[in-house]
Amino acid sequence: MHETDYEDDDDFYDGPSKSQVKRELQAITDLGKQVIELPFDKVKQLPLDEKLLEAIRTCQKIKSRGEGKRRQVHYVGKLMRNADIEAIRHQLDVWENGSKETTAQMHQLETLRDRLLADDNELTLLLNEYPEVDVQQLRALIRAARKEQAQNATLPEGQDPQKKNYRALFQFLKPLIITT
C-alpha cells in the first residue's frame, strides 16, 4: 500500500466552528428580542419582510412569559437569520444613541448661536454665507436673546432663568445648519 496524502485541502473544513455558529445565532435571537420589545410603529420602520413582521406582532401580543412566548421569540430569531442584520443594528443604534451626524450638527448650531450672541461680526459672516436669511427677524431674535441673557444674569439664586428667546434663536438657525 502507498502512503495516503492527507494534506489535501479539500478534506479539511475551514469554516466557523460549531460554537461560533451557535454564538452568532444566539446574537441574532438576542437582536430579535430587542426588536420585539420596540413599539410596533418602530418595528415597521426596520427592513423586515412581511412574515417576520407578522411573527413579531404575534410575539408582542403574547402577554405571558411561558413556553409559548419563548417559542415565538425563537421563531422570530430564526426568521431574522434572513434579514439584513447590520441595517437593523444600525437603526437600533441610531434610535438609542442618536446619529453622530445629527449630534455634530446640533453642537455646530449651539456654537453658532453662542457666537452670534457674543459678537456682531458673526452676524455679518452668517449673512455672507446664507444671504437668504431674514435679516430683520434674525436681528430681533439676537437682541431679544441678549436682553434675556442680561436679565438672567441679575436673577436671584434659585430662580430659573428664562430661555424662550435663546431657544427661538436656535430654532430659527436650525434649518440653515441641519441637513436631513
Protein backbone atom coordinates (compact mmCIF):
# COMPACT_ATOMS: atom_id res chain seq x y z
CA MET A 1 0.00 0.00 0.00
CA HIS A 2 1.03 3.51 -0.69
CA GLU A 3 1.05 6.25 1.82
CA THR A 4 -2.16 8.26 1.58
CA ASP A 5 -1.76 12.01 1.17
CA TYR A 6 -3.82 13.62 3.96
CA GLU A 7 -2.59 17.10 3.21
CA ASP A 8 -5.27 17.66 0.58
CA ASP A 9 -7.05 20.93 1.45
CA ASP A 10 -10.43 19.57 0.32
CA ASP A 11 -10.51 17.16 3.26
CA PHE A 12 -10.41 19.90 5.93
CA TYR A 13 -13.28 22.20 6.86
CA ASP A 14 -12.10 25.77 7.19
CA GLY A 15 -15.40 27.41 8.17
CA PRO A 16 -16.53 28.74 11.55
CA SER A 17 -16.63 26.29 14.43
CA LYS A 18 -19.89 24.88 15.68
CA SER A 19 -19.55 27.03 18.79
CA GLN A 20 -19.03 30.15 16.70
CA VAL A 21 -22.14 29.41 14.64
CA LYS A 22 -24.14 28.95 17.86
CA ARG A 23 -22.87 32.28 19.22
CA GLU A 24 -23.84 34.07 16.01
CA LEU A 25 -27.31 32.52 16.01
CA GLN A 26 -27.76 33.45 19.69
CA ALA A 27 -26.75 37.03 18.89
CA ILE A 28 -29.40 37.15 16.15
CA THR A 29 -32.00 35.78 18.58
CA ASP A 30 -30.98 38.42 21.15
CA LEU A 31 -31.37 41.09 18.49
CA GLY A 32 -34.82 39.66 17.77
CA LYS A 33 -35.67 40.07 21.47
CA GLN A 34 -34.64 43.74 21.27
CA VAL A 35 -36.84 44.26 18.21
CA ILE A 36 -39.79 42.54 19.91
CA GLU A 37 -39.52 45.00 22.82
CA LEU A 38 -39.89 48.00 20.48
CA PRO A 39 -43.25 49.65 19.78
CA PHE A 40 -44.69 48.13 16.60
CA ASP A 41 -44.62 51.54 14.85
CA LYS A 42 -40.82 51.47 15.12
CA VAL A 43 -40.63 47.81 14.13
CA LYS A 44 -42.41 48.69 10.87
CA GLN A 45 -39.61 51.14 10.07
CA LEU A 46 -36.99 48.38 10.09
CA PRO A 47 -36.06 46.50 6.89
CA LEU A 48 -38.09 43.36 7.68
CA ASP A 49 -40.20 41.16 5.42
CA GLU A 50 -43.93 40.60 5.99
CA LYS A 51 -43.55 37.13 7.52
CA LEU A 52 -41.10 38.43 10.11
CA LEU A 53 -43.27 41.47 10.88
CA GLU A 54 -46.26 39.19 11.49
CA ALA A 55 -44.19 36.90 13.75
CA ILE A 56 -43.05 39.92 15.78
CA ARG A 57 -46.60 41.25 16.05
CA THR A 58 -47.78 37.82 17.26
CA CYS A 59 -44.96 37.66 19.82
CA GLN A 60 -45.84 41.13 21.12
CA LYS A 61 -49.44 40.01 21.66
CA ILE A 62 -48.38 37.08 23.87
CA LYS A 63 -48.50 38.51 27.39
CA SER A 64 -47.34 35.54 29.46
CA ARG A 65 -43.67 34.71 29.87
CA GLY A 66 -44.31 30.99 29.38
CA GLU A 67 -43.32 28.41 26.83
CA GLY A 68 -45.43 29.92 24.04
CA LYS A 69 -43.63 33.25 24.30
CA ARG A 70 -40.22 31.54 24.36
CA ARG A 71 -41.03 29.51 21.26
CA GLN A 72 -42.31 32.58 19.41
CA VAL A 73 -39.14 34.52 20.32
CA HIS A 74 -37.02 31.71 18.90
CA TYR A 75 -39.19 31.64 15.77
CA VAL A 76 -38.58 35.38 15.32
CA GLY A 77 -34.85 34.71 15.78
CA LYS A 78 -34.98 32.00 13.13
CA LEU A 79 -36.74 34.32 10.66
CA MET A 80 -34.25 37.10 11.41
CA ARG A 81 -31.42 34.97 10.02
CA ASN A 82 -32.62 36.04 6.56
CA ALA A 83 -32.95 39.73 7.46
CA ASP A 84 -30.36 42.49 6.98
CA ILE A 85 -28.88 42.27 10.48
CA GLU A 86 -26.40 45.13 10.04
CA ALA A 87 -29.11 47.54 8.84
CA ILE A 88 -31.30 46.59 11.82
CA ARG A 89 -28.42 47.05 14.27
CA HIS A 90 -27.55 50.40 12.73
CA GLN A 91 -31.13 51.66 13.01
CA LEU A 92 -31.41 50.49 16.62
CA ASP A 93 -28.14 52.26 17.40
CA VAL A 94 -29.42 55.47 15.80
CA TRP A 95 -32.63 55.28 17.83
CA GLU A 96 -30.74 54.56 21.02
CA ASN A 97 -27.83 56.96 20.68
CA GLY A 98 -28.92 59.40 18.01
CA SER A 99 -26.98 59.74 14.83
CA LYS A 100 -23.47 61.10 15.17
CA GLU A 101 -24.07 63.48 12.27
CA THR A 102 -27.15 64.99 13.92
CA THR A 103 -25.31 65.37 17.21
CA ALA A 104 -22.41 67.11 15.46
CA GLN A 105 -24.83 69.42 13.65
CA MET A 106 -26.56 70.31 16.92
CA HIS A 107 -23.22 71.19 18.52
CA GLN A 108 -22.35 73.31 15.48
CA LEU A 109 -25.70 75.07 15.79
CA GLU A 110 -25.25 75.75 19.51
CA THR A 111 -21.79 77.18 18.85
CA LEU A 112 -23.13 79.44 16.09
CA ARG A 113 -25.91 80.70 18.36
CA ASP A 114 -23.44 81.49 21.15
CA ARG A 115 -21.09 83.28 18.72
CA LEU A 116 -23.98 85.37 17.36
CA LEU A 117 -24.91 86.43 20.88
CA ALA A 118 -21.32 87.29 21.75
CA ASP A 119 -20.20 89.19 18.62
CA ASP A 120 -21.95 91.29 15.95
CA ASN A 121 -19.27 90.34 13.38
CA GLU A 122 -20.60 86.77 13.48
CA LEU A 123 -23.90 88.06 12.10
CA THR A 124 -22.09 89.59 9.12
CA LEU A 125 -20.26 86.29 8.49
CA LEU A 126 -23.52 84.35 8.73
CA LEU A 127 -25.27 86.70 6.30
CA ASN A 128 -22.41 86.33 3.81
CA GLU A 129 -22.76 82.56 3.99
CA TYR A 130 -26.58 82.48 3.99
CA PRO A 131 -27.86 85.56 2.11
CA GLU A 132 -31.43 84.19 2.01
CA VAL A 133 -31.85 84.62 5.80
CA ASP A 134 -34.50 87.07 7.02
CA VAL A 135 -32.08 89.65 8.46
CA GLN A 136 -34.71 91.65 10.31
CA GLN A 137 -36.11 88.64 12.14
CA LEU A 138 -32.64 87.33 12.94
CA ARG A 139 -31.52 90.68 14.40
CA ALA A 140 -34.70 90.87 16.51
CA LEU A 141 -34.11 87.35 17.86
CA ILE A 142 -30.48 88.14 18.69
CA ARG A 143 -31.48 91.38 20.50
CA ALA A 144 -34.19 89.57 22.48
CA ALA A 145 -31.86 86.71 23.42
CA ARG A 146 -29.16 89.16 24.56
CA LYS A 147 -31.72 91.05 26.65
CA GLU A 148 -32.88 87.75 28.12
CA GLN A 149 -29.26 86.81 28.96
CA ALA A 150 -28.75 90.15 30.72
CA GLN A 151 -31.93 89.67 32.77
CA ASN A 152 -30.91 86.11 33.65
CA ALA A 153 -27.55 87.37 34.92
CA THR A 154 -29.32 89.50 37.55
CA LEU A 155 -31.72 86.83 38.80
CA PRO A 156 -31.56 85.88 42.47
CA GLU A 157 -30.17 82.45 43.30
CA GLY A 158 -32.67 79.63 42.93
CA GLN A 159 -34.84 81.36 40.33
CA ASP A 160 -34.99 79.65 36.95
CA PRO A 161 -33.55 81.64 34.03
CA GLN A 162 -35.72 82.46 31.03
CA LYS A 163 -34.62 80.81 27.78
CA LYS A 164 -37.53 81.49 25.45
CA ASN A 165 -35.65 83.78 23.05
CA TYR A 166 -32.45 81.76 23.37
CA ARG A 167 -34.38 78.70 22.15
CA ALA A 168 -36.23 80.71 19.49
CA LEU A 169 -32.88 81.79 18.02
CA PHE A 170 -31.76 78.15 17.98
CA GLN A 171 -34.95 77.11 16.15
CA PHE A 172 -34.52 79.94 13.64
CA LEU A 173 -30.95 78.82 12.84
CA LYS A 174 -31.81 75.11 12.74
CA PRO A 175 -32.97 74.93 9.07
CA LEU A 176 -29.69 76.56 7.99
CA ILE A 177 -27.40 74.02 9.60
CA ILE A 178 -29.35 70.78 9.96
CA THR A 179 -29.39 68.64 6.85
CA THR A 180 -31.68 65.67 6.56
